[in-house]
């Protein structure tokens, strides 16, 4: 089961970080993949966390906006 309310229970090394291509100071945390359904249209989606909020974007749009953060996690 995915715990969306308690990010502090997740191992920080397991969290994938993505950085905004337009504004590199914005870093988001990948939470999960999902299926977004609007009316009869289904699309793959990404759930991600920015600050304390969860967001959902179509997967293609997410990868257009964000790139995997190459910064290594703190030791």
N, C-alpha and C. Protein backbone atom coordinates (compact mmCIF):
# COMPACT_ATOMS: atom_id res chain seq x y z
N UNK A 1 0.84 -1.18 0.00
CA UNK A 1 0.00 0.00 0.00
C UNK A 1 0.88 1.24 0.00
N UNK A 2 0.52 2.21 -0.80
CA UNK A 2 1.29 3.44 -0.92
C UNK A 2 0.82 4.43 0.13
N UNK A 3 1.73 4.93 0.95
CA UNK A 3 1.39 5.88 2.01
C UNK A 3 1.64 7.29 1.50
N UNK A 4 0.58 7.98 1.07
CA UNK A 4 0.72 9.32 0.51
C UNK A 4 0.76 10.40 1.58
N UNK A 5 0.37 10.09 2.80
CA UNK A 5 0.28 11.10 3.83
C UNK A 5 1.55 11.24 4.67
N UNK A 6 2.41 10.23 4.65
CA UNK A 6 3.57 10.25 5.54
C UNK A 6 4.87 10.05 4.76
N UNK A 7 5.35 11.07 4.06
CA UNK A 7 6.58 10.89 3.30
C UNK A 7 7.79 10.62 4.18
N UNK A 8 7.73 11.02 5.44
CA UNK A 8 8.88 10.78 6.32
C UNK A 8 9.08 9.31 6.64
N UNK A 9 8.09 8.45 6.35
CA UNK A 9 8.24 7.03 6.59
C UNK A 9 8.95 6.35 5.42
N UNK A 10 9.10 7.05 4.30
CA UNK A 10 9.77 6.48 3.14
C UNK A 10 11.27 6.71 3.26
N UNK A 11 12.04 5.75 2.75
CA UNK A 11 13.49 5.89 2.74
C UNK A 11 13.86 6.99 1.74
N UNK A 12 14.59 8.03 2.16
CA UNK A 12 14.92 9.14 1.25
C UNK A 12 15.64 8.69 -0.01
N UNK A 13 16.40 7.60 0.06
CA UNK A 13 17.12 7.13 -1.11
C UNK A 13 16.17 6.52 -2.14
N UNK A 14 14.96 6.12 -1.73
CA UNK A 14 13.99 5.54 -2.64
C UNK A 14 13.16 6.60 -3.35
N UNK A 15 13.30 7.85 -2.98
CA UNK A 15 12.51 8.93 -3.56
C UNK A 15 13.21 9.47 -4.80
N UNK A 16 12.51 9.41 -5.93
CA UNK A 16 13.06 9.96 -7.17
C UNK A 16 12.72 11.44 -7.24
N UNK A 17 13.72 12.26 -7.47
CA UNK A 17 13.53 13.70 -7.56
C UNK A 17 13.63 14.12 -9.02
N UNK A 18 12.79 15.05 -9.40
CA UNK A 18 12.79 15.62 -10.74
C UNK A 18 12.92 17.13 -10.61
N UNK A 19 13.64 17.73 -11.56
CA UNK A 19 13.87 19.17 -11.55
C UNK A 19 13.16 19.79 -12.75
N UNK A 20 12.53 20.94 -12.53
CA UNK A 20 11.84 21.65 -13.60
C UNK A 20 12.84 22.07 -14.68
N UNK A 21 12.47 21.84 -15.94
CA UNK A 21 13.34 22.26 -17.04
C UNK A 21 13.29 23.77 -17.23
N UNK A 22 12.15 24.39 -16.92
CA UNK A 22 11.99 25.83 -17.09
C UNK A 22 12.56 26.62 -15.92
N UNK A 23 12.47 26.06 -14.71
CA UNK A 23 12.93 26.75 -13.50
C UNK A 23 13.68 25.73 -12.64
N UNK A 24 14.98 25.58 -12.82
CA UNK A 24 15.77 24.56 -12.12
C UNK A 24 15.73 24.62 -10.60
N UNK A 25 15.23 25.71 -10.03
CA UNK A 25 15.15 25.78 -8.57
C UNK A 25 13.96 24.96 -8.04
N UNK A 26 13.07 24.54 -8.92
CA UNK A 26 11.90 23.74 -8.51
C UNK A 26 12.24 22.26 -8.62
N UNK A 27 12.17 21.58 -7.48
CA UNK A 27 12.41 20.13 -7.43
C UNK A 27 11.16 19.48 -6.88
N UNK A 28 10.71 18.41 -7.55
CA UNK A 28 9.53 17.68 -7.11
C UNK A 28 9.91 16.22 -6.86
N UNK A 29 9.09 15.55 -6.10
CA UNK A 29 9.32 14.14 -5.75
C UNK A 29 8.29 13.26 -6.44
N UNK A 30 8.74 12.29 -7.22
CA UNK A 30 7.86 11.32 -7.85
C UNK A 30 7.20 10.47 -6.77
N UNK A 31 5.88 10.28 -6.84
CA UNK A 31 5.16 9.47 -5.87
C UNK A 31 4.73 8.15 -6.50
N UNK A 32 4.02 8.21 -7.65
CA UNK A 32 3.52 6.99 -8.27
C UNK A 32 3.03 7.28 -9.68
N UNK A 33 2.87 6.20 -10.44
CA UNK A 33 2.18 6.30 -11.73
C UNK A 33 0.73 5.96 -11.49
N UNK A 34 -0.15 6.51 -12.33
CA UNK A 34 -1.58 6.29 -12.16
C UNK A 34 -2.24 6.32 -13.53
N UNK A 35 -3.54 6.07 -13.53
CA UNK A 35 -4.33 6.22 -14.75
C UNK A 35 -5.30 7.37 -14.53
N UNK A 36 -5.25 8.36 -15.39
CA UNK A 36 -6.11 9.52 -15.31
C UNK A 36 -7.28 9.29 -16.26
N UNK A 37 -8.48 9.40 -15.72
CA UNK A 37 -9.66 9.19 -16.56
C UNK A 37 -10.53 10.44 -16.51
N UNK A 38 -10.77 11.01 -17.68
CA UNK A 38 -11.68 12.13 -17.82
C UNK A 38 -12.70 11.72 -18.88
N UNK A 39 -13.96 11.63 -18.45
CA UNK A 39 -15.03 11.11 -19.30
C UNK A 39 -14.63 9.71 -19.76
N UNK A 40 -14.56 9.47 -21.03
CA UNK A 40 -14.20 8.14 -21.53
C UNK A 40 -12.74 8.06 -21.97
N UNK A 41 -11.99 9.11 -21.71
CA UNK A 41 -10.58 9.14 -22.11
C UNK A 41 -9.70 8.71 -20.94
N UNK A 42 -8.82 7.75 -21.19
CA UNK A 42 -7.88 7.29 -20.17
C UNK A 42 -6.47 7.64 -20.62
N UNK A 43 -5.68 8.18 -19.69
CA UNK A 43 -4.29 8.53 -19.98
C UNK A 43 -3.41 8.10 -18.82
N UNK A 44 -2.18 7.75 -19.14
CA UNK A 44 -1.22 7.47 -18.07
C UNK A 44 -0.88 8.79 -17.40
N UNK A 45 -0.70 8.74 -16.11
CA UNK A 45 -0.44 9.96 -15.34
C UNK A 45 0.66 9.72 -14.31
N UNK A 46 1.18 10.81 -13.80
CA UNK A 46 2.20 10.78 -12.75
C UNK A 46 1.67 11.57 -11.56
N UNK A 47 1.80 10.99 -10.37
CA UNK A 47 1.48 11.69 -9.13
C UNK A 47 2.82 12.13 -8.55
N UNK A 48 2.91 13.41 -8.22
CA UNK A 48 4.16 13.91 -7.65
C UNK A 48 3.86 14.90 -6.54
N UNK A 49 4.86 15.11 -5.68
CA UNK A 49 4.73 15.99 -4.53
C UNK A 49 5.62 17.22 -4.73
N UNK A 50 5.02 18.38 -4.48
CA UNK A 50 5.78 19.63 -4.47
C UNK A 50 5.39 20.32 -3.18
N UNK A 51 6.38 20.51 -2.32
CA UNK A 51 6.13 21.00 -0.96
C UNK A 51 5.21 20.01 -0.27
N UNK A 52 4.10 20.44 0.31
CA UNK A 52 3.23 19.50 1.02
C UNK A 52 2.04 19.05 0.16
N UNK A 53 1.98 19.47 -1.11
CA UNK A 53 0.84 19.16 -1.97
C UNK A 53 1.14 18.03 -2.95
N UNK A 54 0.13 17.24 -3.28
CA UNK A 54 0.23 16.22 -4.32
C UNK A 54 -0.39 16.77 -5.59
N UNK A 55 0.24 16.48 -6.72
CA UNK A 55 -0.24 16.92 -8.02
C UNK A 55 -0.33 15.73 -8.95
N UNK A 56 -1.20 15.83 -9.96
CA UNK A 56 -1.34 14.80 -10.98
C UNK A 56 -1.22 15.48 -12.34
N UNK A 57 -0.37 14.91 -13.19
CA UNK A 57 -0.23 15.41 -14.57
C UNK A 57 -0.21 14.20 -15.49
N UNK A 58 -0.67 14.38 -16.72
CA UNK A 58 -0.46 13.31 -17.71
C UNK A 58 1.04 13.01 -17.81
N UNK A 59 1.37 11.75 -17.98
CA UNK A 59 2.78 11.33 -17.96
C UNK A 59 3.62 12.07 -19.00
N UNK A 60 3.11 12.20 -20.22
CA UNK A 60 3.87 12.88 -21.27
C UNK A 60 4.13 14.34 -20.89
N UNK A 61 3.14 15.00 -20.32
CA UNK A 61 3.29 16.39 -19.90
C UNK A 61 4.30 16.51 -18.76
N UNK A 62 4.27 15.56 -17.82
CA UNK A 62 5.22 15.57 -16.71
C UNK A 62 6.65 15.50 -17.23
N UNK A 63 6.90 14.59 -18.18
CA UNK A 63 8.26 14.43 -18.70
C UNK A 63 8.68 15.57 -19.62
N UNK A 64 7.73 16.31 -20.17
CA UNK A 64 8.07 17.53 -20.92
C UNK A 64 8.52 18.63 -19.97
N UNK A 65 7.91 18.68 -18.79
CA UNK A 65 8.17 19.75 -17.83
C UNK A 65 9.34 19.46 -16.89
N UNK A 66 9.56 18.18 -16.55
CA UNK A 66 10.57 17.81 -15.55
C UNK A 66 11.57 16.82 -16.11
N UNK A 67 12.79 16.88 -15.56
CA UNK A 67 13.85 15.93 -15.90
C UNK A 67 14.37 15.32 -14.60
N UNK A 68 14.81 14.08 -14.66
CA UNK A 68 15.35 13.41 -13.49
C UNK A 68 16.50 14.23 -12.93
N UNK A 69 16.48 14.47 -11.63
CA UNK A 69 17.50 15.29 -10.97
C UNK A 69 18.78 14.47 -10.83
N UNK A 70 19.88 14.91 -11.45
CA UNK A 70 21.13 14.14 -11.37
C UNK A 70 21.86 14.32 -10.05
N UNK A 71 21.39 15.22 -9.19
CA UNK A 71 22.07 15.47 -7.91
C UNK A 71 21.98 14.22 -7.04
N UNK A 72 23.10 13.71 -6.55
CA UNK A 72 23.03 12.51 -5.70
C UNK A 72 22.35 12.83 -4.37
N UNK A 73 21.62 11.85 -3.79
CA UNK A 73 20.99 12.09 -2.49
C UNK A 73 22.05 12.31 -1.42
N UNK A 74 21.73 13.10 -0.39
CA UNK A 74 22.72 13.36 0.68
C UNK A 74 23.06 12.08 1.43
N UNK A 75 24.31 11.96 1.84
CA UNK A 75 24.76 10.75 2.56
C UNK A 75 24.53 10.87 4.04
